[in-house]
Every structure is written in C-alpha cells, then in structure tokens.
Protein backbone atom coordinates (compact mmCIF):
# COMPACT_ATOMS: atom_id res chain seq x y z
CA MET A 1 144.41 32.31 90.23
CA ARG A 2 145.59 29.07 88.64
CA THR A 3 142.71 29.14 86.13
CA THR A 4 144.01 32.53 85.00
CA ILE A 5 147.56 31.19 84.70
CA LEU A 6 146.40 28.18 82.68
CA PHE A 7 144.52 30.52 80.36
CA ARG A 8 147.70 32.57 79.97
CA VAL A 9 149.67 29.44 79.11
CA LEU A 10 147.13 28.42 76.49
CA LEU A 11 147.09 31.95 75.07
CA LEU A 12 150.87 32.08 74.80
CA ALA A 13 150.92 28.65 73.19
CA ALA A 14 148.30 29.82 70.70
CA LEU A 15 150.36 32.90 69.87
CA VAL A 16 153.44 30.76 69.33
CA PHE A 17 151.44 28.40 67.13
CA CYS A 18 150.04 31.29 65.11
CA SER A 19 153.52 32.78 64.65
CA GLN A 20 154.74 29.42 63.42
CA LEU A 21 151.88 29.22 60.95
CA GLN A 22 152.93 32.57 59.57
CA ALA A 23 156.57 31.44 59.10
CA GLN A 24 157.46 30.14 55.67
CA ASN A 25 157.13 26.42 55.00
CA LEU A 26 160.27 25.37 53.15
CA VAL A 27 158.60 22.23 51.71
CA PRO A 28 157.09 22.75 48.25
CA ASN A 29 153.76 21.08 47.55
CA PRO A 30 153.55 20.00 51.23
CA GLY A 31 150.10 18.38 50.96
CA PHE A 32 150.69 16.72 47.54
CA GLU A 33 147.83 18.80 46.14
CA THR A 34 149.59 20.00 42.98
CA LEU A 35 149.58 17.07 40.53
CA SER A 36 150.74 16.94 36.92
CA GLY A 37 148.08 14.36 36.19
CA SER A 38 145.52 12.10 37.82
CA PRO A 39 147.10 8.94 39.30
CA THR A 40 145.65 5.73 37.86
CA THR A 41 148.12 3.16 39.17
CA SER A 42 150.30 2.66 42.19
CA GLY A 43 153.87 3.97 42.23
CA SER A 44 152.91 7.37 40.78
CA LEU A 45 154.37 9.72 43.44
CA ASN A 46 156.31 11.61 40.74
CA LEU A 47 153.00 13.19 39.65
CA ALA A 48 153.28 15.36 42.81
CA GLN A 49 156.35 17.30 41.68
CA PRO A 50 158.90 18.07 42.99
CA TRP A 51 158.34 15.03 45.23
CA GLN A 52 159.99 11.86 44.05
CA GLY A 53 160.48 8.31 45.15
CA LEU A 54 163.86 6.62 45.28
CA ASN A 55 164.47 3.10 43.93
CA ALA A 56 161.22 1.75 45.41
CA THR A 57 157.93 3.12 44.14
CA PRO A 58 155.88 5.14 46.69
CA ASP A 59 152.33 6.07 45.79
CA ILE A 60 150.15 9.15 45.37
CA TYR A 61 146.39 9.13 46.14
CA ALA A 62 143.76 11.50 44.73
CA PRO A 63 140.00 11.30 44.04
CA GLN A 64 139.13 9.13 41.00
CA SER A 65 136.03 9.09 38.80
CA SER A 66 136.19 5.30 38.48
CA LEU A 67 137.92 2.45 40.29
CA PRO A 68 140.65 0.40 38.56
CA VAL A 69 140.28 -3.28 37.83
CA VAL A 70 143.54 -4.19 39.58
CA PRO A 71 143.08 -3.91 43.40
CA CYS A 72 146.69 -2.79 44.02
CA ASP A 73 146.13 0.19 41.71
CA ASN A 74 143.17 1.56 43.64
CA VAL A 75 144.64 4.98 44.50
CA ASN A 76 141.33 6.71 45.13
CA VAL A 77 140.51 9.07 48.07
CA PRO A 78 139.13 8.41 50.59
CA ASN A 79 138.54 4.71 49.82
CA ASN A 80 141.45 2.85 48.24
CA VAL A 81 143.52 -0.31 48.40
CA GLY A 82 144.46 0.39 51.99
CA GLY A 83 140.90 0.99 53.20
CA TYR A 84 139.22 4.21 54.27
CA ALA A 85 141.68 7.14 54.54
CA PRO A 86 140.42 10.74 54.34
CA VAL A 87 142.87 13.60 53.80
CA ASN A 88 144.45 15.10 56.92
CA ILE A 89 143.82 18.87 57.02
CA SER A 90 142.75 20.11 53.63
CA GLY A 91 143.06 19.33 49.96
CA ASN A 92 142.39 16.09 48.12
CA ALA A 93 145.64 14.09 48.03
CA TYR A 94 148.28 12.34 50.11
CA ALA A 95 151.25 10.03 49.58
CA GLY A 96 151.79 6.44 50.67
CA ILE A 97 154.88 4.36 51.55
CA GLN A 98 155.30 0.64 52.17
CA ILE A 99 157.59 -0.91 54.81
CA ASP A 100 158.11 -4.68 54.76
CA PRO A 101 159.45 -5.30 58.28
CA ASN A 102 160.50 -8.87 57.45
CA ASN A 103 162.50 -8.32 54.26
CA ASN A 104 164.11 -4.87 54.79
CA TYR A 105 161.90 -3.45 52.03
CA ARG A 106 161.59 0.36 52.32
CA GLU A 107 159.90 3.10 50.34
CA TYR A 108 160.94 6.74 50.78
CA ILE A 109 159.56 10.06 49.57
CA SER A 110 162.00 12.93 49.03
CA VAL A 111 161.69 16.61 48.08
CA PRO A 112 164.13 19.51 47.57
CA LEU A 113 163.62 22.39 50.01
CA THR A 114 162.78 25.80 48.63
CA VAL A 115 165.94 27.23 50.25
CA GLN A 116 169.04 25.76 51.81
CA LEU A 117 168.86 25.57 55.61
CA ILE A 118 170.90 28.09 57.61
CA ALA A 119 173.66 26.83 59.88
CA ASN A 120 172.72 26.68 63.60
CA GLU A 121 169.16 27.86 62.95
CA LEU A 122 166.24 25.87 64.40
CA TYR A 123 163.52 24.34 62.23
CA ARG A 124 160.28 22.67 63.23
CA VAL A 125 159.66 19.52 61.23
CA GLU A 126 156.18 18.01 60.94
CA PHE A 127 154.44 15.34 58.94
CA TRP A 128 151.26 13.37 59.54
CA VAL A 129 150.92 9.60 59.21
CA LEU A 130 147.97 7.20 59.10
CA LEU A 131 148.26 3.41 59.10
CA ALA A 132 146.27 1.77 56.29
CA ASP A 133 143.42 -0.53 57.32
CA SER A 134 144.90 -3.30 55.17
CA SER A 135 148.30 -3.26 56.90
CA ARG A 136 149.18 -6.46 58.69
CA TYR A 137 152.00 -4.72 60.54
CA SER A 138 152.64 -1.41 62.21
CA CYS A 139 156.08 -0.14 63.22
CA ASN A 140 158.02 2.71 64.78
CA ARG A 141 160.96 4.82 63.66
CA LEU A 142 159.16 6.83 61.01
CA GLY A 143 161.43 9.84 60.50
CA ALA A 144 162.75 12.69 58.39
CA LEU A 145 166.30 12.84 57.03
CA PHE A 146 167.97 16.12 55.95
CA THR A 147 170.78 15.90 53.39
CA ASN A 148 172.65 18.16 51.01
CA ASN A 149 171.61 16.00 48.04
CA ILE A 150 168.91 13.48 47.35
CA PRO A 151 169.97 10.32 49.22
CA ILE A 152 170.92 7.15 47.34
CA GLN A 153 168.95 3.96 48.02
CA SER A 154 170.56 0.64 47.24
CA GLY A 155 167.82 -1.36 45.57
CA THR A 156 164.76 -1.32 47.78
CA GLY A 157 166.73 -1.62 51.00
CA VAL A 158 167.26 0.60 54.00
CA ILE A 159 169.00 3.97 53.63
CA ASN A 160 171.66 3.71 56.32
CA PHE A 161 171.56 7.25 57.63
CA THR A 162 170.30 8.32 61.03
CA PRO A 163 167.33 10.65 60.57
CA GLN A 164 167.39 13.93 62.48
CA ILE A 165 163.67 13.61 63.31
CA GLU A 166 162.36 10.19 64.32
CA SER A 167 159.39 8.78 66.24
CA ALA A 168 160.10 6.04 68.77
CA ASN A 169 156.37 5.25 69.00
CA ILE A 170 154.72 2.45 67.02
CA GLN A 171 152.17 4.16 64.77
CA SER A 172 149.14 1.83 64.85
CA ASP A 173 146.21 4.23 64.53
CA THR A 174 144.07 3.51 61.45
CA GLY A 175 141.32 5.98 62.37
CA HIS A 176 143.18 9.20 63.11
CA TRP A 177 146.15 10.95 61.58
CA THR A 178 149.15 11.08 63.94
CA LEU A 179 151.69 13.93 63.99
CA VAL A 180 155.39 13.16 63.87
CA THR A 181 157.29 16.30 64.82
CA GLY A 182 160.57 17.59 66.20
CA ILE A 183 163.06 20.44 66.23
CA TYR A 184 166.18 20.30 64.08
CA GLN A 185 169.25 22.51 64.28
CA ALA A 186 170.70 22.81 60.79
CA THR A 187 174.34 22.45 59.83
CA GLY A 188 173.83 24.76 56.87
CA VAL A 189 174.21 22.40 53.89
CA GLU A 190 170.77 20.75 53.87
CA THR A 191 168.73 21.07 50.68
CA TYR A 192 166.59 17.87 50.76
CA VAL A 193 164.23 16.20 53.23
CA THR A 194 163.37 12.50 52.90
CA ILE A 195 160.65 10.65 54.83
CA GLY A 196 160.55 6.96 55.69
CA VAL A 197 161.97 4.33 58.07
CA PHE A 198 165.77 4.43 58.29
CA ARG A 199 166.31 1.47 60.63
CA ASP A 200 167.18 -2.07 59.60
CA ASP A 201 164.76 -4.88 60.47
CA THR A 202 167.36 -6.24 62.88
CA SER A 203 168.05 -2.95 64.63
CA PRO A 204 167.26 -3.11 68.38
CA LEU A 205 165.59 0.29 67.96
CA PHE A 206 163.18 -0.96 65.31
CA GLN A 207 159.92 -2.45 66.53
CA LYS A 208 157.04 -4.00 64.64
CA LEU A 209 153.60 -5.16 65.69
CA ASP A 210 151.71 -7.98 63.93
CA LEU A 211 148.06 -6.95 63.67
CA GLY A 212 146.87 -10.20 62.08
CA ALA A 213 146.30 -11.49 58.55
CA LYS A 214 144.60 -9.15 56.05
CA ASN A 215 142.83 -9.70 52.72
CA SER A 216 142.66 -6.56 50.57
CA LEU A 217 143.37 -8.58 47.38
CA CYS A 218 146.77 -6.81 47.27
CA SER A 219 149.35 -9.17 48.79
CA SER A 220 152.11 -6.54 49.15
CA MET A 221 149.75 -4.36 51.20
CA ASP A 222 148.50 -7.27 53.30
CA ASN A 223 152.01 -8.28 54.38
CA SER A 224 153.56 -4.92 55.17
CA ALA A 225 153.25 -1.79 57.25
CA TYR A 226 151.68 0.74 54.92
CA TYR A 227 151.49 4.44 55.90
CA TYR A 228 149.78 7.40 54.28
CA ILE A 229 151.78 10.67 54.53
CA ASP A 230 150.32 14.17 54.39
CA ASP A 231 151.06 17.83 55.22
CA VAL A 232 154.84 17.91 55.46
CA VAL A 233 156.29 21.05 57.09
CA VAL A 234 159.83 22.38 57.57
CA ARG A 235 159.52 25.82 59.11
CA PRO A 236 162.12 28.08 60.81
CA VAL A 237 161.39 28.78 64.47
CA THR A 238 162.81 31.00 67.20
CA GLU A 239 163.26 29.02 70.41
CA THR A 240 160.78 30.03 73.11
CA VAL A 241 161.34 28.75 76.64
CA GLU A 242 159.24 30.40 79.36
CA ILE A 243 157.86 29.35 82.74
CA THR A 244 154.48 30.54 83.95
CA GLY A 245 152.68 29.77 87.19
CA ASP A 246 152.48 30.74 90.84
CA THR A 247 155.88 31.51 92.39
CA ILE A 248 154.69 32.58 95.84
CA LEU A 249 153.29 29.85 98.06
CA CYS A 250 151.94 29.57 101.56
CA PRO A 251 153.36 26.94 103.92
CA GLY A 252 152.18 23.45 102.92
CA GLU A 253 150.69 24.67 99.64
CA GLY A 254 151.44 23.16 96.23
CA THR A 255 151.38 24.65 92.76
CA SER A 256 152.08 23.88 89.12
CA LEU A 257 154.62 25.52 86.86
CA TYR A 258 153.76 25.52 83.16
CA ALA A 259 156.13 25.18 80.21
CA ASN A 260 155.52 27.66 77.41
CA THR A 261 157.91 26.40 74.75
CA ASN A 262 158.05 25.41 71.12
CA VAL A 263 161.04 23.05 71.42
CA PRO A 264 161.71 19.83 73.34
CA PHE A 265 162.30 20.55 77.02
CA TRP A 266 162.98 19.08 80.45
CA TRP A 267 162.59 20.30 84.04
CA SER A 268 165.25 20.43 86.76
CA ASP A 269 165.82 22.30 90.01
CA GLU A 270 168.68 23.90 91.89
CA ASN A 271 169.38 20.71 93.88
CA ASP A 272 170.76 19.15 90.69
CA PRO A 273 170.29 21.36 87.60
CA THR A 274 171.45 18.59 85.26
CA ASP A 275 169.03 15.95 86.57
CA THR A 276 165.68 15.66 84.78
CA ILE A 277 162.76 15.72 87.22
CA SER A 278 159.95 15.87 84.64
CA LEU A 279 159.20 15.99 80.93
CA SER A 280 155.57 17.03 81.42
CA ALA A 281 154.19 20.32 80.16
CA PHE A 282 153.43 21.21 83.78
CA LEU A 283 155.47 20.57 86.89
CA THR A 284 153.54 19.98 90.13
CA ILE A 285 155.59 20.95 93.18
CA THR A 286 155.18 21.34 96.94
CA PRO A 287 158.45 22.90 98.16
CA THR A 288 159.07 23.45 101.87
CA VAL A 289 161.86 26.00 101.32
CA PRO A 290 162.49 28.56 98.57
CA THR A 291 163.59 26.58 95.50
CA LYS A 292 164.76 27.54 92.03
CA TYR A 293 163.33 25.57 89.10
CA TYR A 294 164.68 25.39 85.54
CA LEU A 295 162.92 24.81 82.20
CA ASN A 296 165.62 23.62 79.82
CA GLY A 297 165.10 23.89 76.08
CA LEU A 298 167.55 23.07 73.34
CA PHE A 299 169.74 26.13 73.82
CA VAL A 300 167.65 28.39 76.07
CA THR A 301 166.89 27.94 79.78
CA ASP A 302 164.34 29.81 81.86
CA SER A 303 164.20 29.73 85.65
CA VAL A 304 161.95 30.88 88.50
CA THR A 305 162.38 30.81 92.25
CA VAL A 306 159.33 29.61 94.15
CA THR A 307 159.29 31.25 97.58
CA ILE A 308 157.40 30.35 100.74
CA VAL A 309 155.61 33.26 102.37
CA PRO A 310 154.82 32.89 106.10
CA ALA A 311 151.11 32.98 106.74
CA PRO A 312 149.89 36.13 108.53
CA TYR A 313 149.26 35.92 112.27
CA VAL A 314 145.92 36.87 113.76
CA ASN A 315 144.63 36.28 117.30
CA LEU A 316 141.41 37.83 118.57
CA GLY A 317 141.95 36.34 122.00
CA PRO A 318 139.89 33.78 123.93
CA ASP A 319 136.12 33.76 124.05
CA SER A 320 134.95 36.27 126.64
CA MET A 321 132.07 38.29 128.05
CA LEU A 322 131.25 41.90 127.27
CA CYS A 323 130.72 44.67 129.81
CA ARG A 324 127.12 45.84 129.64
CA ASN A 325 126.70 49.33 128.23
CA ASP A 326 130.23 49.08 126.84
CA SER A 327 132.05 47.92 123.73
CA ILE A 328 135.11 45.80 123.09
CA LYS A 329 137.71 46.35 120.38
CA LEU A 330 138.62 43.26 118.36
CA ASP A 331 142.06 43.94 116.88
CA ALA A 332 143.37 41.89 113.93
CA PHE A 333 146.20 44.25 112.93
CA GLY A 334 149.32 42.71 111.41
CA THR A 335 152.34 44.57 110.01
CA ASP A 336 152.33 42.41 106.86
CA VAL A 337 148.57 42.24 106.35
CA ILE A 338 147.13 43.90 103.25
CA ARG A 339 143.50 42.77 103.53
CA TYR A 340 141.02 42.37 106.39
CA GLU A 341 137.55 40.93 106.04
CA TRP A 342 135.23 40.56 109.02
CA SER A 343 132.11 38.48 109.22
CA ASN A 344 130.03 41.65 108.81
CA ALA A 345 132.02 42.60 105.65
CA ASP A 346 133.96 45.34 107.45
CA THR A 347 137.47 45.80 106.03
CA ASN A 348 139.19 47.72 108.84
CA SER A 349 141.94 46.14 110.94
CA TYR A 350 139.72 46.38 114.02
CA LEU A 351 136.06 45.99 114.91
CA TYR A 352 134.14 47.42 117.86
CA VAL A 353 131.37 45.10 119.07
CA ARG A 354 128.61 45.86 121.53
CA ASP A 355 126.61 42.66 121.47
CA THR A 356 127.03 38.97 122.13
CA GLY A 357 127.69 36.60 119.24
CA THR A 358 130.46 34.98 117.20
CA TYR A 359 132.81 37.24 115.24
CA TYR A 360 135.14 36.08 112.45
CA VAL A 361 138.02 37.75 110.60
CA GLU A 362 140.17 36.65 107.67
CA VAL A 363 143.48 38.40 106.97
CA GLU A 364 145.77 38.17 103.94
CA ASN A 365 149.34 39.20 103.29
CA ALA A 366 151.20 38.50 100.03
CA GLY A 367 148.84 35.73 98.94
CA CYS A 368 148.50 33.78 102.20
CA THR A 369 145.49 33.94 104.50
CA ALA A 370 144.75 33.24 108.15
CA SER A 371 141.61 33.57 110.23
CA ASP A 372 140.37 33.60 113.80
CA THR A 373 137.03 33.50 115.57
CA ILE A 374 135.91 34.84 118.94
CA THR A 375 132.60 34.38 120.71
CA ILE A 376 131.17 36.96 123.11
CA THR A 377 129.11 34.70 125.33
CA ASP A 378 127.32 37.04 127.76
CA PHE A 379 127.23 40.44 129.44
CA LEU A 380 129.01 41.42 132.65
CA PRO A 381 127.17 43.76 135.06
CA ASN A 382 128.33 47.33 134.59
CA PRO A 383 125.75 49.85 135.86
CA VAL A 384 126.11 53.50 134.92
CA PHE A 385 126.56 56.22 137.57
CA THR A 386 126.45 60.01 137.77
CA LEU A 387 128.40 62.72 139.56
CA GLY A 388 125.29 64.85 140.02
CA GLU A 389 123.75 67.59 137.94
CA ASP A 390 125.64 70.37 136.30
CA SER A 391 125.57 73.48 138.49
CA THR A 392 127.25 76.83 139.21
CA TYR A 393 129.49 77.74 142.11
CA CYS A 394 131.46 80.72 143.24
CA PHE A 395 134.88 79.61 144.35
CA PHE A 396 135.81 83.25 144.79
CA ILE A 397 133.70 83.44 147.93
CA ALA A 398 134.89 80.00 149.12
CA ASP A 399 132.03 77.88 147.77
CA SER A 400 133.04 74.21 148.02
CA LEU A 401 132.08 71.16 145.94
CA THR A 402 133.03 67.54 146.51
CA LEU A 403 132.38 64.96 143.77
CA ALA A 404 131.93 61.33 144.85
CA ALA A 405 132.03 58.10 142.78
CA PRO A 406 130.43 54.75 143.75
CA ILE A 407 132.42 51.89 145.25
CA ALA A 408 134.88 50.43 142.73
CA ASP A 409 138.31 48.85 142.51
CA SER A 410 140.01 51.92 141.06
CA TYR A 411 139.27 55.52 140.14
CA LEU A 412 140.69 58.04 137.70
CA TRP A 413 139.58 61.66 137.74
CA LYS A 414 140.06 64.16 134.94
CA PRO A 415 141.48 66.73 134.96
CA GLY A 416 144.18 66.12 137.51
CA ASN A 417 144.54 62.27 137.42
CA ALA A 418 143.40 61.87 141.02
CA THR A 419 142.73 58.23 142.05
CA THR A 420 140.59 58.76 145.16
CA PRO A 421 136.87 57.92 145.50
CA GLU A 422 136.12 61.64 146.09
CA LEU A 423 137.41 64.84 144.53
CA THR A 424 137.19 68.35 145.95
CA VAL A 425 136.60 70.80 143.12
CA GLN A 426 138.62 74.02 143.34
CA TYR A 427 138.08 75.59 139.92
CA PRO A 428 135.53 75.39 137.12
CA ALA A 429 136.02 72.63 134.47
CA LEU A 430 134.42 69.57 132.87
CA TYR A 431 135.17 66.81 135.38
CA SER A 432 135.05 63.08 134.67
CA CYS A 433 135.62 59.96 136.73
CA THR A 434 136.32 56.53 135.26
CA ILE A 435 135.81 53.65 137.66
CA THR A 436 136.97 50.08 137.21
CA ARG A 437 135.01 47.30 138.86
CA SER A 438 136.26 43.91 140.03
CA ASN A 439 135.04 42.24 136.80
CA GLY A 440 137.21 44.57 134.74
CA CYS A 441 134.35 46.66 133.40
CA THR A 442 134.72 50.42 133.36
CA SER A 443 132.18 53.24 133.48
CA THR A 444 132.65 56.97 133.12
CA ALA A 445 130.54 59.88 134.32
CA TRP A 446 130.93 63.59 133.63
CA LEU A 447 129.97 66.83 135.44
CA ASP A 448 130.37 70.35 134.08
CA VAL A 449 131.20 72.74 136.93
CA ALA A 450 130.79 76.43 136.08
CA GLU A 451 131.73 79.35 138.35
CA VAL A 452 129.18 82.18 138.68
CA CYS A 453 129.81 84.87 141.39
CA GLU A 454 127.65 87.98 142.07
CA PRO A 455 129.67 91.19 141.85
CA SER A 456 131.04 92.42 145.20
CA VAL A 457 131.64 96.13 145.86
CA PHE A 458 133.73 98.14 148.40
CA ILE A 459 133.79 101.93 148.30
CA PRO A 460 135.88 103.98 150.80
CA ASN A 461 134.37 107.22 152.19
CA ALA A 462 137.53 109.36 152.24
CA PHE A 463 140.99 109.68 150.80
CA THR A 464 144.08 111.91 151.24
CA PRO A 465 145.80 112.73 147.93
CA ASP A 466 148.94 114.19 149.60
CA GLU A 467 151.37 111.94 147.73
CA ASP A 468 152.55 110.20 150.87
CA GLY A 469 151.82 106.85 149.28
CA ILE A 470 148.92 106.16 151.63
CA ASN A 471 145.31 106.49 150.49
CA ASP A 472 146.29 108.84 147.67
CA TYR A 473 143.58 107.67 145.22
CA PHE A 474 139.83 107.13 145.31
CA GLY A 475 138.16 104.26 143.45
CA ALA A 476 135.52 101.55 143.85
CA PHE A 477 136.67 97.96 144.34
CA VAL A 478 134.30 95.76 142.26
CA ASN A 479 134.82 92.03 141.58
CA ASN A 480 133.05 89.82 138.98
CA ALA A 481 131.51 92.79 137.15
CA THR A 482 130.85 92.54 133.45
CA SER A 483 130.53 96.33 133.02
CA TYR A 484 131.59 99.29 135.19
CA SER A 485 131.55 103.11 135.30
CA LEU A 486 132.47 105.60 138.07
CA ARG A 487 131.56 109.30 137.93
CA ILE A 488 132.62 111.99 140.53
CA GLN A 489 131.01 115.47 140.71
CA ASN A 490 131.60 118.60 142.81
CA ARG A 491 128.96 120.61 144.66
CA ARG A 492 128.05 122.52 141.50
CA GLY A 493 127.32 119.25 139.62
CA GLN A 494 130.44 119.39 137.47
CA THR A 495 131.95 116.03 136.53
CA ILE A 496 135.55 116.19 137.63
CA PHE A 497 136.40 112.48 137.08
CA TYR A 498 134.98 109.62 135.00
CA THR A 499 136.24 106.08 134.18
CA GLU A 500 134.97 102.76 132.88
CA ASP A 501 138.10 100.95 133.96
CA PRO A 502 137.55 98.97 137.19
CA SER A 503 141.18 99.69 138.09
CA GLY A 504 140.85 103.42 137.36
CA ALA A 505 140.98 105.84 140.36
CA TRP A 506 140.75 109.66 141.03
CA ASP A 507 143.97 111.36 142.11
CA GLY A 508 142.24 114.39 143.70
CA LYS A 509 142.97 116.79 140.80
CA TYR A 510 140.72 118.63 138.42
CA GLU A 511 142.07 119.93 135.16
CA GLY A 512 145.59 119.45 136.53
CA THR A 513 145.02 121.42 139.76
CA ASP A 514 144.44 120.06 143.26
CA ALA A 515 140.75 119.91 143.99
CA PRO A 516 139.72 121.70 147.18
CA ILE A 517 139.15 119.83 150.44
CA GLY A 518 135.55 118.86 150.85
CA VAL A 519 132.75 116.45 150.09
CA TYR A 520 132.21 115.10 146.57
CA VAL A 521 129.39 113.01 145.09
CA TYR A 522 130.08 109.75 143.23
CA ARG A 523 127.86 107.55 141.06
CA LEU A 524 128.85 103.86 140.46
CA ASN A 525 127.14 101.75 137.75
CA TYR A 526 128.02 98.07 137.25
CA SER A 527 126.48 94.84 135.90
CA GLY A 528 127.15 91.11 136.28
CA LEU A 529 125.44 87.74 136.95
CA ASP A 530 123.50 86.84 140.03
CA SER A 531 123.77 83.50 141.84
CA GLU A 532 121.29 81.95 139.40
CA GLY A 533 123.37 83.00 136.44
CA SER A 534 120.94 85.76 135.37
CA LYS A 535 122.06 89.21 134.26
CA MET A 536 121.83 91.99 136.82
CA LYS A 537 122.54 95.78 136.94
CA ARG A 538 123.30 97.93 140.00
CA LYS A 539 123.72 101.64 140.72
CA ILE A 540 125.27 103.13 143.88
CA LEU A 541 125.21 106.86 144.83
CA GLY A 542 127.31 108.23 147.65
CA THR A 543 129.79 110.84 148.88
CA ILE A 544 133.50 110.87 149.43
CA THR A 545 135.49 113.34 151.53
CA LEU A 546 138.80 114.66 150.25
CA PHE A 547 141.36 115.53 153.00
CA ARG A 548 144.82 117.01 152.66
C-alpha cells in the first residue's frame, strides 16, 4: 500500500514539475546562451544582453578557439581561470561573479524581466551555482533581489537591500552545480532581478569558509569566493499543498504522510496547529487516538485526520477433539469483517472440518487484520446406530411399532420432539432420533415407516328401505381400497343399481319406483395392496334381501 502511495506522490510531484516547466520563464536569456560576441577577456557579461553588471565587472564564459595569454582572461568553457566548470543543463555559456569576503567586494548580475510581476502572485525563483576550483573561500547568502529598477551599487561594495530569495547554506561544491531556489510573492512593481551576495562581511548572517591557499596565476580569483551562475528562472506558479498517505491505521501501527507541494511548507497537528513538528517531505507518525494533521504552505493549508480502526475480533475456541463420523463448524464471523481467508484458501466466514489437524483463519475489516488458530487433536468415540429397517405397518388394524435408541445422555425424536429412549409409532412418517453421548458427540438415525393395510370388506345381507331411518340403504363397507364398483341386478339380470363410489348405496328404488320385496344379486369389485405392498384385486358375488 505505501509503495503505491509513494509512487502517487512522485507522480504528482512530476506533474507539478512538468506544469512549472510549461509556465513562462520571465528571465530573458536565462542560460546566457545568446551572446553579441565571443568573450575574450574577463568582465564581459554585457555580451549576454540584456544581462548587465553593476559597478563591478562580472564575467561571461563561452567556448574559445584559443586560450588568452593573460590567465585572468581565460573565459573558456569548460576549462578556464577558475578550473574545470562544465555548463549546467544545456547550452555553452554561463556567468561568473566574485565575492571578496574580507574587503566587502561584490559583483552582481542583473536583468530586466520580460513582464512586470503581478501583485500577490507567487513566483518560483531558481538559479544554479558552482564554486570555482580556484576559489580560496566559499560563502553563504547567495540570493536574488527583485526591484522596480536596476539597483544602484556604490563602488564595488555591498548593495544594502535584503534579497527576497537567499540561501543560508555555504555553497562549497566545486564538482556539482547546486540549485538556489525559493518562492516569492510579488508586490506588483518588480521589473528587475539581481543575483549576488547582499550581506556585509560583518553581518552575523554572513558566513565564509577558508578552503586554503590557491595558485591559478590570477590573484583576485585565488583570494575570493568565485561562483559560476547558470540557468536563471523566474516563473509564475499556483500554490499546491496536498497531503497523501494512509489515513486509516490499526492499533499500534505507524504510517507516513507525504507533502505534495511546490512551495515552502511545514507540518503541524491539532494539538498545536501553530507549532512546527517537521519540515521533512514526509511525516512519520504513530498516533494512539484519531489526530488531525496539517500541511501548511505559504497561503494554503491542507489537512487530514488519521483514524485508528479497532482490529477485528476472531476466536475459533480452544484446541479440541472431533467426534468420529461427525464434523465441527469453525466460525470466524465478525460484523465488521470484509475478508476471510482460511488455511485451505476458503473465503467463507465458517469452515466445516472432519479431520484432525491445525486450522488457521485471517480476517480483515477496514484495513486491519487478526487471526486465530485451532488444533483438532484426536477423535472422540461416536459409533453410529440404527432404528431398524424400513418397513410397512397397518395402524388401521392396530399394528404397533416401538422404536428404540441405544443408551445415551439425551434423546430427541422427530417428529414430535419426544425425549425418551423409546418411541411408540402411531402413524406413518420419516422418524429420526438424535442421541447425545456423555462426551458431547451426537449421532442421528432415521427410519421410514409406511402404512400398508389390506382392504377390509363388510356386506350386509338385507335392508329395509321404509324410510324409518334404520337400515334404509344397501352398500358394501370397504376400507383401504384403491378402486371399487358395486352392481345390483334383479332376477331377470337387469342392472338396477351401479356405483364406483365407496360411499354410494342403493335406496331400494328402480327408475324412481320402489323395487319389489325379494332377493337381489350383487357383484362387488375392488383392488388395493396386500400386506407385502403388492397390488391385489378381489371380486365378491352374493345376494341381498329387500324387506318392507
């Protein structure tokens, strides 16, 4: 995660840098590349118009076809009176100024800007410096001064103005160009920029460093601090102040906030927003409570609140044993958990295990993780049992069936929720019994009880259809039949009644008229299942006497 954030910071910084490159540089001839002639002696800065020196005589350096006889006039590139000094970025030329830190001698280079600066707008100021090899001294306080006219230098002394851009560092590097840069908010009258050292030799802010005696055959060079100047930039900028980095932390975790800005900045936090806690480009923090942090630019401030997210809770329980022929559910569910990962790569909130071994789960909520491990050490005895074989019974004729479970600590029968060791079955169903043993293991057995009864038949031999409410109808009483038909005929073989409804019965009439007293023939057909569950068909012939 942090690698991605760092990449984002670098990308944003690159975009800002590119946007700055595209902004207009208000310094004409910024690299001193446009020359009106080839310099042959020192003090020829005016060849790089519109640059100009003040009362002292700064220099311009460019490649020469031949070296001069006088050592102080060697203004070649890259080898010259000061030693070896290649150009900074591109081109073939650069300027040079001399600072005598013992006699208040100063050289300045000045140039009119292409446009007047705009009041309250921000400008990035840059110039590169390189200390000459032949310099005995190095110093600090190299800076840039913005004025509404070209400044006036009294003789070769110090210009007593405070520069808006100034380096407090002693510039002693003779092998690499060093960037002096800063942000300047314009007042709106500036038309010139001048570069040099604007501090008196006796100023407590001015520092010099004696590097030892030199011998370049040019005494003024060997007893001064001599700096090459190249690639001067004054470019308008829009202030960017942004914080990037992790803002959600787990307890005890640290992080870094990154400053994406193109202006000078400082960090503070909500405990004291005006107190500087860091000037680094990244702020390393380990807060214990939610804390707001500020990145303060020149006029813009950005802020983020770094919050502490409680780590998710997961507990798989203590190590245990597993009931043989059973499984155990390992449950890692958490209301705030968004990711589960088990040791077998399963991603559900739970895991059923059926074997011994060590099981591991990692859970994650909003960026924080937690884990737990459980070991299933062995199996507990848990033998299976049965309730017998599936069979058929006829409860209609008072068949009885009692199911019995083995000895256990508790019992639960379904259906019905009985808790006794035995259960008397009174109707067909799929019965189950779950037993719990003293070790906590459970086993379940099932038995499918089906009811199959052979059809039973009762046929009366007489009836009296006299509408007295007693024995007024004739019919066969058949139970458990799957099909049924009853036919009644007179002595001549005529069918006087027929039905396929087991509840249907003859009322003693034929074609709406009372049938005569006498004997009638009936024929009963029915089918059903026998005691083995096989299909069967039956036919019964008989007589019935009608009385009135």
